């Protein structure tokens, strides 16, 4: 089993800052409370019970307890994995 990660741990705030640097635009991350998430996805037709379970899952997954780095991606690729900042700069340069 492979657990695929990049070469460093990043928070959503860090990803927003990296994307801002790469694009020259201001990109922010604003976390939402579970109740707001449930209300937002309900607008997309997701049943409230399903949305609540997703919110609980996200709270568990995103609280940092599962944060880890592996070299599995580099091993699978046969080369070091690319840092997100490098990817963001390349994508921004070609307009993606």
C-alpha atoms as a PDB file:
ATOM      1  CA  UNK A   1       0.000   0.000   0.000  1.00  0.00           C
ATOM      2  CA  UNK A   2       1.278   3.437  -0.902  1.00  0.00           C
ATOM      3  CA  UNK A   3       0.620   6.583   1.086  1.00  0.00           C
ATOM      4  CA  UNK A   4       1.350   9.402  -1.339  1.00  0.00           C
ATOM      5  CA  UNK A   5       2.612  12.697   0.024  1.00  0.00           C
ATOM      6  CA  UNK A   6       4.687  15.547  -1.225  1.00  0.00           C
ATOM      7  CA  UNK A   7       8.076  16.347   0.251  1.00  0.00           C
ATOM      8  CA  UNK A   8       6.712  18.570   3.044  1.00  0.00           C
ATOM      9  CA  UNK A   9       3.604  19.022   5.149  1.00  0.00           C
ATOM     10  CA  UNK A  10       1.435  22.000   4.234  1.00  0.00           C
ATOM     11  CA  UNK A  11      -1.543  23.628   5.872  1.00  0.00           C
ATOM     12  CA  UNK A  12      -4.337  25.133   3.796  1.00  0.00           C
ATOM     13  CA  UNK A  13      -3.065  28.567   4.881  1.00  0.00           C
ATOM     14  CA  UNK A  14       0.384  27.651   3.525  1.00  0.00           C
ATOM     15  CA  UNK A  15      -1.100  26.443   0.234  1.00  0.00           C
ATOM     16  CA  UNK A  16      -2.979  29.736  -0.150  1.00  0.00           C
ATOM     17  CA  UNK A  17       0.227  31.714   0.508  1.00  0.00           C
ATOM     18  CA  UNK A  18       2.179  29.605  -2.005  1.00  0.00           C
ATOM     19  CA  UNK A  19      -0.532  30.089  -4.635  1.00  0.00           C
ATOM     20  CA  UNK A  20      -0.565  33.831  -3.938  1.00  0.00           C
ATOM     21  CA  UNK A  21       3.197  34.005  -4.450  1.00  0.00           C
ATOM     22  CA  UNK A  22       3.005  31.949  -7.650  1.00  0.00           C
ATOM     23  CA  UNK A  23       0.147  33.867  -9.247  1.00  0.00           C
ATOM     24  CA  UNK A  24       0.683  37.362  -7.889  1.00  0.00           C
ATOM     25  CA  UNK A  25      -2.955  37.323  -6.761  1.00  0.00           C
ATOM     26  CA  UNK A  26      -4.145  37.387  -3.180  1.00  0.00           C
ATOM     27  CA  UNK A  27      -5.519  33.967  -2.347  1.00  0.00           C
ATOM     28  CA  UNK A  28      -6.769  33.224   1.124  1.00  0.00           C
ATOM     29  CA  UNK A  29      -8.051  30.275   3.042  1.00  0.00           C
ATOM     30  CA  UNK A  30     -11.001  30.769   5.328  1.00  0.00           C
ATOM     31  CA  UNK A  31     -11.981  27.662   7.253  1.00  0.00           C
ATOM     32  CA  UNK A  32     -15.666  27.099   7.820  1.00  0.00           C
ATOM     33  CA  UNK A  33     -17.342  25.685  10.881  1.00  0.00           C
ATOM     34  CA  UNK A  34     -18.980  22.293  10.531  1.00  0.00           C
ATOM     35  CA  UNK A  35     -22.449  23.851  10.663  1.00  0.00           C
ATOM     36  CA  UNK A  36     -21.599  26.205   7.796  1.00  0.00           C
ATOM     37  CA  UNK A  37     -20.149  23.340   5.743  1.00  0.00           C
ATOM     38  CA  UNK A  38     -23.330  21.300   6.233  1.00  0.00           C
ATOM     39  CA  UNK A  39     -25.493  24.267   5.192  1.00  0.00           C
ATOM     40  CA  UNK A  40     -23.319  24.982   2.140  1.00  0.00           C
ATOM     41  CA  UNK A  41     -23.326  21.440   0.790  1.00  0.00           C
ATOM     42  CA  UNK A  42     -27.062  21.138   1.434  1.00  0.00           C
ATOM     43  CA  UNK A  43     -27.442  23.874  -1.207  1.00  0.00           C
ATOM     44  CA  UNK A  44     -25.800  21.422  -3.624  1.00  0.00           C
ATOM     45  CA  UNK A  45     -28.389  18.763  -2.802  1.00  0.00           C
ATOM     46  CA  UNK A  46     -26.361  16.630  -0.398  1.00  0.00           C
ATOM     47  CA  UNK A  47     -28.627  15.257   2.354  1.00  0.00           C
ATOM     48  CA  UNK A  48     -28.028  16.779   5.776  1.00  0.00           C
ATOM     49  CA  UNK A  49     -27.109  13.431   7.393  1.00  0.00           C
ATOM     50  CA  UNK A  50     -24.493  12.765   4.706  1.00  0.00           C
ATOM     51  CA  UNK A  51     -23.148  16.303   4.998  1.00  0.00           C
ATOM     52  CA  UNK A  52     -22.899  15.961   8.774  1.00  0.00           C
ATOM     53  CA  UNK A  53     -20.907  12.719   8.446  1.00  0.00           C
ATOM     54  CA  UNK A  54     -18.589  14.410   5.936  1.00  0.00           C
ATOM     55  CA  UNK A  55     -18.104  17.360   8.301  1.00  0.00           C
ATOM     56  CA  UNK A  56     -17.189  14.974  11.122  1.00  0.00           C
ATOM     57  CA  UNK A  57     -14.774  13.103   8.847  1.00  0.00           C
ATOM     58  CA  UNK A  58     -13.106  16.335   7.727  1.00  0.00           C
ATOM     59  CA  UNK A  59     -12.726  17.529  11.316  1.00  0.00           C
ATOM     60  CA  UNK A  60     -10.967  14.267  12.185  1.00  0.00           C
ATOM     61  CA  UNK A  61      -8.783  14.168   9.079  1.00  0.00           C
ATOM     62  CA  UNK A  62      -7.832  17.840   9.160  1.00  0.00           C
ATOM     63  CA  UNK A  63      -6.970  18.169  12.839  1.00  0.00           C
ATOM     64  CA  UNK A  64      -3.349  17.203  12.180  1.00  0.00           C
ATOM     65  CA  UNK A  65      -3.353  13.770  13.811  1.00  0.00           C
ATOM     66  CA  UNK A  66      -2.816  12.058  10.459  1.00  0.00           C
ATOM     67  CA  UNK A  67      -0.060  14.343   9.200  1.00  0.00           C
ATOM     68  CA  UNK A  68       2.932  12.404   7.973  1.00  0.00           C
ATOM     69  CA  UNK A  69       5.465  12.308   5.181  1.00  0.00           C
ATOM     70  CA  UNK A  70       6.543   9.284   3.173  1.00  0.00           C
ATOM     71  CA  UNK A  71       8.864   8.656   0.245  1.00  0.00           C
ATOM     72  CA  UNK A  72       6.317   6.367  -1.440  1.00  0.00           C
ATOM     73  CA  UNK A  73       5.573   8.812  -4.255  1.00  0.00           C
ATOM     74  CA  UNK A  74       9.250   9.305  -5.044  1.00  0.00           C
ATOM     75  CA  UNK A  75       9.763   5.547  -4.978  1.00  0.00           C
ATOM     76  CA  UNK A  76       6.834   4.973  -7.331  1.00  0.00           C
ATOM     77  CA  UNK A  77       8.019   7.716  -9.685  1.00  0.00           C
ATOM     78  CA  UNK A  78      11.678   6.781  -9.511  1.00  0.00           C
ATOM     79  CA  UNK A  79      12.552  10.402  -8.714  1.00  0.00           C
ATOM     80  CA  UNK A  80      11.982  12.862  -5.873  1.00  0.00           C
ATOM     81  CA  UNK A  81       8.466  14.232  -5.612  1.00  0.00           C
ATOM     82  CA  UNK A  82       7.910  17.858  -6.604  1.00  0.00           C
ATOM     83  CA  UNK A  83       7.324  20.461  -3.925  1.00  0.00           C
ATOM     84  CA  UNK A  84       3.940  22.192  -4.196  1.00  0.00           C
ATOM     85  CA  UNK A  85       5.584  25.627  -4.522  1.00  0.00           C
ATOM     86  CA  UNK A  86       7.510  24.471  -7.590  1.00  0.00           C
ATOM     87  CA  UNK A  87       4.358  22.977  -9.097  1.00  0.00           C
ATOM     88  CA  UNK A  88       2.370  26.171  -8.384  1.00  0.00           C
ATOM     89  CA  UNK A  89       4.982  28.363 -10.073  1.00  0.00           C
ATOM     90  CA  UNK A  90       5.034  26.117 -13.170  1.00  0.00           C
ATOM     91  CA  UNK A  91       1.230  25.976 -13.356  1.00  0.00           C
ATOM     92  CA  UNK A  92       0.891  29.736 -12.937  1.00  0.00           C
ATOM     93  CA  UNK A  93       3.484  30.365 -15.654  1.00  0.00           C
ATOM     94  CA  UNK A  94       1.380  28.479 -18.207  1.00  0.00           C
ATOM     95  CA  UNK A  95      -1.946  29.809 -16.966  1.00  0.00           C
ATOM     96  CA  UNK A  96      -3.292  26.704 -15.255  1.00  0.00           C
END
